[in-house]
């Protein structure tokens, strides 16, 4: 039999499959990328046992738990646990603290002839390990931030580098008012866990200098860890430049062509997909109506709705360039120009994409 483990680093470095025996509500708030929710108790059962524990003590709660998870209910859950163990012979199981729930499942599996190891300390210990992984990186590693006007392709620079941390990728959001995807963002805990595992894996390969895109404190609904965000206000800054024409084309592809395709992938080709895409794009503009002002919003929205009507009719996206150009010239560029000026002392290099990538690769090799 494989022994129980507390080697959290190896679990995450090797993408080890994990059986999460916590209740579904706990799993939904946050888990790990390789974990599968196979709970000992449902949310309602857990609540009953918790109430019993408070009123009558631990032994009564344990007895109630065994009553609730018995007979056909226990048989069905046992079948799922055994199937997971058979499909993932290198895996482990855990509960919140590595206590009664995971020990119970482990014991029942053993009684069924399946010795399956447990993660001691459970979810809480692994979560603490990942939080410290990020904190230690902020303390011990070098960081460089990539900034630039909207549409210069900062994400393209990030994805071209082996030592980058893609905050937008982990948050499943492009970081602007138009940044939502067709599918939801991860929970805050899942975002933090993904980021920490990325850091862990990269540091394990010897990387000690990371590159990040310049972000605000919040990427959609995901908050950048505070220590990292505070550091991003001080880290050296590389400024990415590109022509207005290239930026318009890049935004057209990202926020119109690719987004429309996301809704088609989600809903299938047809009216439902385009209706959802129209609502998404219109809603993105509406979210900044106060910052745009009424007249400017009305003007850009008119162009956007005309562009959407044309896209719905014949698939052409040319008219979208009108509101994109207006938004860049009148809203985003003045805002970013002010930010660029306020961060001027931190800028260590400025240039177009190829030059910026070369510079950052050279910095990594130092």
Protein backbone atom coordinates (compact mmCIF):
# COMPACT_ATOMS: atom_id res chain seq x y z
CA UNK A 1 0.00 0.00 0.00
CA UNK A 2 1.19 3.53 -0.77
CA UNK A 3 1.60 5.65 2.34
CA UNK A 4 -0.44 8.72 3.19
CA UNK A 5 1.34 11.92 2.16
CA UNK A 6 2.08 15.50 3.17
CA UNK A 7 4.34 16.14 0.17
CA UNK A 8 2.16 18.90 -1.25
CA UNK A 9 4.79 20.12 -3.71
CA UNK A 10 4.95 16.75 -5.48
CA UNK A 11 1.16 16.50 -5.60
CA UNK A 12 0.92 19.77 -7.53
CA UNK A 13 4.13 19.43 -9.56
CA UNK A 14 2.97 16.06 -10.89
CA UNK A 15 -0.74 16.92 -11.35
CA UNK A 16 -1.69 14.00 -9.12
CA UNK A 17 -5.41 13.09 -9.27
CA UNK A 18 -7.25 13.84 -6.02
CA UNK A 19 -10.57 12.62 -4.64
CA UNK A 20 -12.22 15.48 -2.71
CA UNK A 21 -14.57 14.02 -0.09
CA UNK A 22 -15.79 17.39 1.22
CA UNK A 23 -19.39 18.47 0.65
CA UNK A 24 -20.29 19.95 -2.77
CA UNK A 25 -20.70 23.46 -1.33
CA UNK A 26 -17.14 23.36 -0.02
CA UNK A 27 -15.82 22.14 -3.36
CA UNK A 28 -17.65 24.88 -5.28
CA UNK A 29 -16.00 27.60 -3.20
CA UNK A 30 -12.56 26.35 -4.12
CA UNK A 31 -10.62 23.20 -4.94
CA UNK A 32 -7.58 22.11 -6.94
CA UNK A 33 -7.26 21.61 -10.72
CA UNK A 34 -6.81 17.83 -10.53
CA UNK A 35 -9.46 17.24 -7.84
CA UNK A 36 -12.80 15.53 -8.45
CA UNK A 37 -15.72 16.08 -6.07
CA UNK A 38 -16.80 12.71 -4.66
CA UNK A 39 -18.28 13.71 -1.31
CA UNK A 40 -18.89 11.52 1.69
CA UNK A 41 -22.01 13.56 2.44
CA UNK A 42 -24.29 15.88 0.51
CA UNK A 43 -24.67 19.49 1.67
CA UNK A 44 -27.93 18.67 3.47
CA UNK A 45 -26.42 15.62 5.20
CA UNK A 46 -23.38 17.61 6.29
CA UNK A 47 -25.61 20.33 7.71
CA UNK A 48 -27.59 17.77 9.76
CA UNK A 49 -24.39 16.23 11.11
CA UNK A 50 -23.00 19.67 11.95
CA UNK A 51 -26.13 20.61 13.87
CA UNK A 52 -26.00 17.30 15.73
CA UNK A 53 -22.34 17.89 16.62
CA UNK A 54 -23.13 21.30 18.14
CA UNK A 55 -26.12 20.01 20.11
CA UNK A 56 -25.07 16.48 21.13
CA UNK A 57 -21.32 16.17 20.58
CA UNK A 58 -18.94 14.30 18.31
CA UNK A 59 -20.01 10.71 18.97
CA UNK A 60 -23.68 11.44 18.25
CA UNK A 61 -22.67 13.27 15.07
CA UNK A 62 -20.56 10.32 13.89
CA UNK A 63 -23.45 7.92 14.52
CA UNK A 64 -25.84 10.17 12.59
CA UNK A 65 -23.38 10.35 9.72
CA UNK A 66 -23.26 6.56 9.51
CA UNK A 67 -27.07 6.42 9.54
CA UNK A 68 -27.35 8.99 6.75
CA UNK A 69 -24.70 7.32 4.59
CA UNK A 70 -25.78 3.70 4.70
CA UNK A 71 -27.50 1.06 2.58
CA UNK A 72 -27.99 1.93 -1.07
CA UNK A 73 -26.68 5.48 -0.57
CA UNK A 74 -23.40 4.16 0.80
CA UNK A 75 -23.23 1.50 -1.95
CA UNK A 76 -23.62 4.13 -4.68
CA UNK A 77 -20.91 6.34 -3.21
CA UNK A 78 -18.61 3.38 -2.65
CA UNK A 79 -18.99 2.48 -6.31
CA UNK A 80 -17.85 5.99 -7.31
CA UNK A 81 -14.88 5.97 -4.92
CA UNK A 82 -13.78 2.53 -6.09
CA UNK A 83 -14.09 3.59 -9.73
CA UNK A 84 -11.93 6.66 -9.04
CA UNK A 85 -9.31 4.57 -7.23
CA UNK A 86 -9.19 2.06 -10.09
CA UNK A 87 -8.95 4.80 -12.75
CA UNK A 88 -6.34 6.76 -10.74
CA UNK A 89 -4.04 4.28 -9.01
CA UNK A 90 -1.49 7.05 -8.36
CA UNK A 91 -4.06 9.36 -6.72
CA UNK A 92 -4.97 10.37 -3.17
CA UNK A 93 -8.10 11.31 -1.25
CA UNK A 94 -8.64 14.19 1.17
CA UNK A 95 -11.24 16.10 3.17
CA UNK A 96 -11.05 19.53 4.79
CA UNK A 97 -8.45 18.86 7.50
CA UNK A 98 -7.52 15.25 6.74
CA UNK A 99 -9.82 14.14 9.56
CA UNK A 100 -12.92 12.05 10.00
CA UNK A 101 -14.40 12.25 6.50
CA UNK A 102 -11.32 11.18 4.58
CA UNK A 103 -10.44 8.60 7.25
CA UNK A 104 -13.94 7.15 6.97
CA UNK A 105 -13.78 6.88 3.19
CA UNK A 106 -10.28 5.41 3.41
CA UNK A 107 -11.45 2.81 5.95
CA UNK A 108 -14.50 1.84 3.90
CA UNK A 109 -12.36 1.48 0.79
CA UNK A 110 -9.94 -0.76 2.70
CA UNK A 111 -12.85 -2.92 3.91
CA UNK A 112 -13.81 -3.29 0.22
CA UNK A 113 -10.28 -4.49 -0.58
CA UNK A 114 -8.89 -1.16 -1.84
CA UNK A 115 -5.96 0.43 0.03
CA UNK A 116 -6.01 4.07 -1.03
CA UNK A 117 -3.81 6.76 0.52
CA UNK A 118 -4.93 9.98 2.12
CA UNK A 119 -3.49 13.51 2.10
CA UNK A 120 -2.85 14.32 5.75
CA UNK A 121 -3.77 17.86 6.65
CA UNK A 122 -6.31 17.81 3.82
CA UNK A 123 -7.56 20.77 1.84
CA UNK A 124 -6.64 23.31 4.52
CA UNK A 125 -2.97 22.33 4.60
CA UNK A 126 -2.71 22.25 0.80
CA UNK A 127 -4.40 25.63 0.51
CA UNK A 128 -2.00 27.11 3.09
CA UNK A 129 0.94 25.64 1.15
CA UNK A 130 -0.24 27.28 -2.09
CA UNK A 131 -0.82 30.67 -0.47
CA UNK A 132 2.71 30.56 0.94
CA UNK A 133 4.05 29.54 -2.48
CA UNK A 134 2.82 32.84 -3.93
CA UNK A 135 3.97 34.87 -0.92
CA UNK A 136 7.46 33.39 -0.98
CA UNK A 137 7.78 34.09 -4.71
CA UNK A 138 6.90 37.76 -4.15
CA UNK A 139 9.57 37.92 -1.42
CA UNK A 140 12.29 35.98 -3.21
CA UNK A 141 11.92 36.45 -7.00
CA UNK A 142 12.41 39.24 -9.52
CA UNK A 143 9.40 40.56 -11.44
CA UNK A 144 8.97 42.74 -14.53
CA UNK A 145 5.63 44.20 -15.59
CA UNK A 146 4.49 44.68 -19.20
CA UNK A 147 2.32 47.76 -19.78
CA UNK A 148 0.98 49.50 -22.84
CA UNK A 149 -2.08 51.04 -24.44
CA UNK A 150 -5.19 48.90 -24.96
CA UNK A 151 -4.78 46.53 -27.89
CA UNK A 152 -0.97 46.55 -28.10
CA UNK A 153 -0.88 42.79 -27.55
CA UNK A 154 0.41 42.54 -23.99
CA UNK A 155 -1.12 39.07 -23.64
CA UNK A 156 0.73 37.97 -26.79
CA UNK A 157 3.99 38.99 -25.14
CA UNK A 158 3.06 37.09 -21.96
CA UNK A 159 2.24 33.90 -23.84
CA UNK A 160 5.52 34.10 -25.81
CA UNK A 161 7.62 33.88 -22.63
CA UNK A 162 8.32 30.73 -20.62
CA UNK A 163 8.79 32.76 -17.42
CA UNK A 164 5.50 34.68 -17.55
CA UNK A 165 2.51 34.48 -15.20
CA UNK A 166 -0.72 34.92 -17.17
CA UNK A 167 -3.03 36.55 -14.62
CA UNK A 168 -5.76 37.04 -17.23
CA UNK A 169 -5.49 33.43 -18.32
CA UNK A 170 -5.80 32.14 -14.77
CA UNK A 171 -8.71 34.55 -14.11
CA UNK A 172 -10.37 33.63 -17.45
CA UNK A 173 -10.92 37.34 -18.14
CA UNK A 174 -9.18 39.87 -20.39
CA UNK A 175 -9.03 42.48 -17.66
CA UNK A 176 -11.15 45.26 -19.18
CA UNK A 177 -14.84 46.14 -19.20
CA UNK A 178 -15.02 44.04 -22.41
CA UNK A 179 -12.96 41.24 -20.88
CA UNK A 180 -15.62 38.65 -19.95
CA UNK A 181 -15.64 35.34 -21.79
CA UNK A 182 -18.71 33.35 -22.79
CA UNK A 183 -18.06 30.97 -19.89
CA UNK A 184 -17.73 32.02 -16.22
CA UNK A 185 -14.62 32.96 -14.28
CA UNK A 186 -13.20 30.64 -11.62
CA UNK A 187 -13.87 31.28 -7.95
CA UNK A 188 -11.38 33.51 -6.14
CA UNK A 189 -9.84 30.49 -4.42
CA UNK A 190 -9.51 28.55 -7.68
CA UNK A 191 -7.83 31.58 -9.30
CA UNK A 192 -5.32 31.85 -6.45
CA UNK A 193 -4.65 28.11 -6.52
CA UNK A 194 -4.03 28.07 -10.29
CA UNK A 195 -1.64 31.00 -10.01
CA UNK A 196 0.27 29.41 -7.14
CA UNK A 197 0.63 26.07 -8.94
CA UNK A 198 1.93 27.92 -12.01
CA UNK A 199 4.52 29.68 -9.83
CA UNK A 200 5.47 26.41 -8.12
CA UNK A 201 6.01 24.59 -11.42
CA UNK A 202 8.03 27.41 -12.95
CA UNK A 203 10.24 27.85 -9.88
CA UNK A 204 10.81 24.08 -9.89
CA UNK A 205 12.39 24.46 -13.36
CA UNK A 206 14.73 27.13 -12.02
CA UNK A 207 12.83 30.27 -13.01
CA UNK A 208 13.40 33.10 -10.51
CA UNK A 209 12.40 36.08 -12.70
CA UNK A 210 8.74 36.44 -13.68
CA UNK A 211 6.99 38.65 -16.21
CA UNK A 212 3.43 39.89 -15.60
CA UNK A 213 0.96 42.00 -17.51
CA UNK A 214 0.20 45.31 -15.80
CA UNK A 215 -3.18 44.75 -14.15
CA UNK A 216 -5.46 46.48 -11.70
CA UNK A 217 -6.23 44.93 -8.34
CA UNK A 218 -9.20 43.08 -9.84
CA UNK A 219 -9.24 41.03 -13.05
CA UNK A 220 -12.96 40.73 -13.69
CA UNK A 221 -14.13 39.31 -10.37
CA UNK A 222 -10.77 37.83 -9.34
CA UNK A 223 -8.55 39.79 -6.96
CA UNK A 224 -4.81 39.67 -7.56
CA UNK A 225 -3.10 38.57 -4.30
CA UNK A 226 -2.43 41.75 -2.34
CA UNK A 227 1.32 41.27 -1.89
CA UNK A 228 1.74 40.69 -5.63
CA UNK A 229 -0.43 43.66 -6.56
CA UNK A 230 1.48 45.92 -4.18
CA UNK A 231 4.70 44.74 -5.78
CA UNK A 232 3.33 45.48 -9.26
CA UNK A 233 3.21 49.16 -8.29
CA UNK A 234 7.00 49.09 -7.81
CA UNK A 235 8.34 46.45 -10.24
CA UNK A 236 10.29 47.59 -13.35
CA UNK A 237 7.96 48.33 -16.27
CA UNK A 238 8.39 47.52 -19.95
CA UNK A 239 6.14 49.60 -22.21
CA UNK A 240 4.70 47.91 -25.31
CA UNK A 241 3.97 50.08 -28.35
CA UNK A 242 2.02 49.50 -31.57
CA UNK A 243 0.19 51.51 -34.22
CA UNK A 244 -3.44 52.51 -33.83
CA UNK A 245 -4.34 50.47 -36.92
CA UNK A 246 -2.79 47.28 -35.52
CA UNK A 247 -4.46 47.83 -32.17
CA UNK A 248 -7.89 48.24 -33.78
CA UNK A 249 -7.41 45.00 -35.73
CA UNK A 250 -6.28 43.14 -32.62
CA UNK A 251 -9.30 44.31 -30.60
CA UNK A 252 -11.61 43.49 -33.50
CA UNK A 253 -10.28 39.93 -33.50
CA UNK A 254 -10.28 39.48 -29.72
CA UNK A 255 -13.55 41.15 -28.74
CA UNK A 256 -15.68 40.66 -31.85
CA UNK A 257 -14.54 37.75 -34.04
CA UNK A 258 -13.19 35.46 -31.31
CA UNK A 259 -15.94 36.36 -28.82
CA UNK A 260 -18.67 35.62 -31.34
CA UNK A 261 -16.99 32.26 -31.94
CA UNK A 262 -16.99 31.55 -28.18
CA UNK A 263 -20.77 31.99 -28.05
CA UNK A 264 -21.20 29.76 -31.11
CA UNK A 265 -19.08 27.09 -29.38
CA UNK A 266 -21.28 27.43 -26.29
CA UNK A 267 -24.73 27.64 -27.90
CA UNK A 268 -24.22 26.29 -31.42
CA UNK A 269 -24.50 28.31 -34.62
CA UNK A 270 -27.77 30.21 -34.73
CA UNK A 271 -29.81 33.05 -33.33
CA UNK A 272 -29.30 32.16 -29.67
CA UNK A 273 -25.52 32.41 -29.95
CA UNK A 274 -25.60 35.77 -31.73
CA UNK A 275 -28.20 37.15 -29.35
CA UNK A 276 -25.99 36.21 -26.39
CA UNK A 277 -22.97 37.76 -28.13
CA UNK A 278 -24.90 40.99 -28.83
CA UNK A 279 -25.99 41.18 -25.21
CA UNK A 280 -22.41 40.60 -24.06
CA UNK A 281 -20.93 43.32 -26.29
CA UNK A 282 -23.68 45.86 -25.60
CA UNK A 283 -23.46 45.19 -21.88
CA UNK A 284 -19.71 45.73 -21.93
CA UNK A 285 -20.16 49.22 -23.36
CA UNK A 286 -23.02 49.97 -20.97
CA UNK A 287 -20.79 49.18 -17.99
CA UNK A 288 -18.67 52.25 -18.70
CA UNK A 289 -21.52 54.64 -19.62
CA UNK A 290 -20.85 56.89 -16.61
CA UNK A 291 -17.18 57.19 -17.47
CA UNK A 292 -17.92 57.80 -21.14
CA UNK A 293 -20.63 60.36 -20.57
CA UNK A 294 -24.09 60.26 -22.11
CA UNK A 295 -23.33 61.85 -25.50
CA UNK A 296 -20.24 59.79 -26.21
CA UNK A 297 -21.90 56.56 -25.07
CA UNK A 298 -24.93 57.22 -27.31
CA UNK A 299 -22.71 57.90 -30.32
CA UNK A 300 -20.49 54.82 -29.86
CA UNK A 301 -23.48 52.61 -29.02
CA UNK A 302 -25.22 53.67 -32.25
CA UNK A 303 -22.16 52.56 -34.25
CA UNK A 304 -21.94 49.32 -32.28
CA UNK A 305 -25.62 48.43 -32.83
CA UNK A 306 -25.30 49.17 -36.56
CA UNK A 307 -22.20 46.96 -36.69
CA UNK A 308 -24.02 44.16 -34.88
CA UNK A 309 -26.98 44.42 -37.26
CA UNK A 310 -24.62 44.10 -40.24
CA UNK A 311 -22.77 41.20 -38.63
CA UNK A 312 -26.06 39.41 -37.99
CA UNK A 313 -27.17 39.98 -41.58
CA UNK A 314 -24.06 38.99 -43.54
CA UNK A 315 -21.28 38.13 -41.10
CA UNK A 316 -19.21 41.21 -41.95
CA UNK A 317 -17.45 42.96 -39.06
CA UNK A 318 -15.99 46.05 -40.80
CA UNK A 319 -18.28 48.58 -39.08
CA UNK A 320 -17.11 47.46 -35.64
CA UNK A 321 -13.87 49.34 -36.31
CA UNK A 322 -15.79 52.59 -35.87
CA UNK A 323 -16.71 52.18 -32.20
CA UNK A 324 -13.37 50.50 -31.44
CA UNK A 325 -11.44 53.48 -32.84
CA UNK A 326 -13.68 55.91 -30.97
CA UNK A 327 -13.26 54.04 -27.71
CA UNK A 328 -9.47 53.98 -28.07
CA UNK A 329 -9.05 57.61 -29.12
CA UNK A 330 -11.56 59.14 -26.74
CA UNK A 331 -11.48 56.91 -23.68
CA UNK A 332 -8.74 54.30 -23.26
CA UNK A 333 -5.76 56.15 -24.74
CA UNK A 334 -6.10 59.34 -22.65
CA UNK A 335 -6.51 57.19 -19.53
CA UNK A 336 -3.47 55.04 -20.31
CA UNK A 337 -1.40 58.07 -21.34
CA UNK A 338 -1.95 59.50 -17.87
CA UNK A 339 -0.95 56.18 -16.30
CA UNK A 340 2.16 56.00 -18.53
CA UNK A 341 3.22 59.44 -17.34
CA UNK A 342 2.70 58.53 -13.70
CA UNK A 343 4.81 55.38 -14.13
CA UNK A 344 7.53 56.95 -16.31
CA UNK A 345 10.27 56.55 -13.69
CA UNK A 346 9.77 52.78 -13.66
CA UNK A 347 9.97 52.28 -17.44
CA UNK A 348 13.18 50.39 -18.26
CA UNK A 349 12.41 49.64 -21.91
CA UNK A 350 9.87 50.65 -24.57
CA UNK A 351 9.32 49.23 -28.03
CA UNK A 352 7.15 47.17 -30.34
CA UNK A 353 6.33 43.52 -29.74
CA UNK A 354 9.39 41.77 -31.20
CA UNK A 355 11.80 44.16 -29.47
CA UNK A 356 9.99 43.83 -26.13
CA UNK A 357 10.02 40.01 -26.31
CA UNK A 358 13.75 40.02 -27.16
CA UNK A 359 14.47 42.39 -24.29
CA UNK A 360 12.53 40.30 -21.78
CA UNK A 361 14.13 37.05 -22.93
CA UNK A 362 17.56 38.63 -22.54
CA UNK A 363 16.66 39.78 -19.03
CA UNK A 364 15.63 36.26 -18.09
CA UNK A 365 18.96 34.85 -19.22
CA UNK A 366 20.99 37.26 -17.08
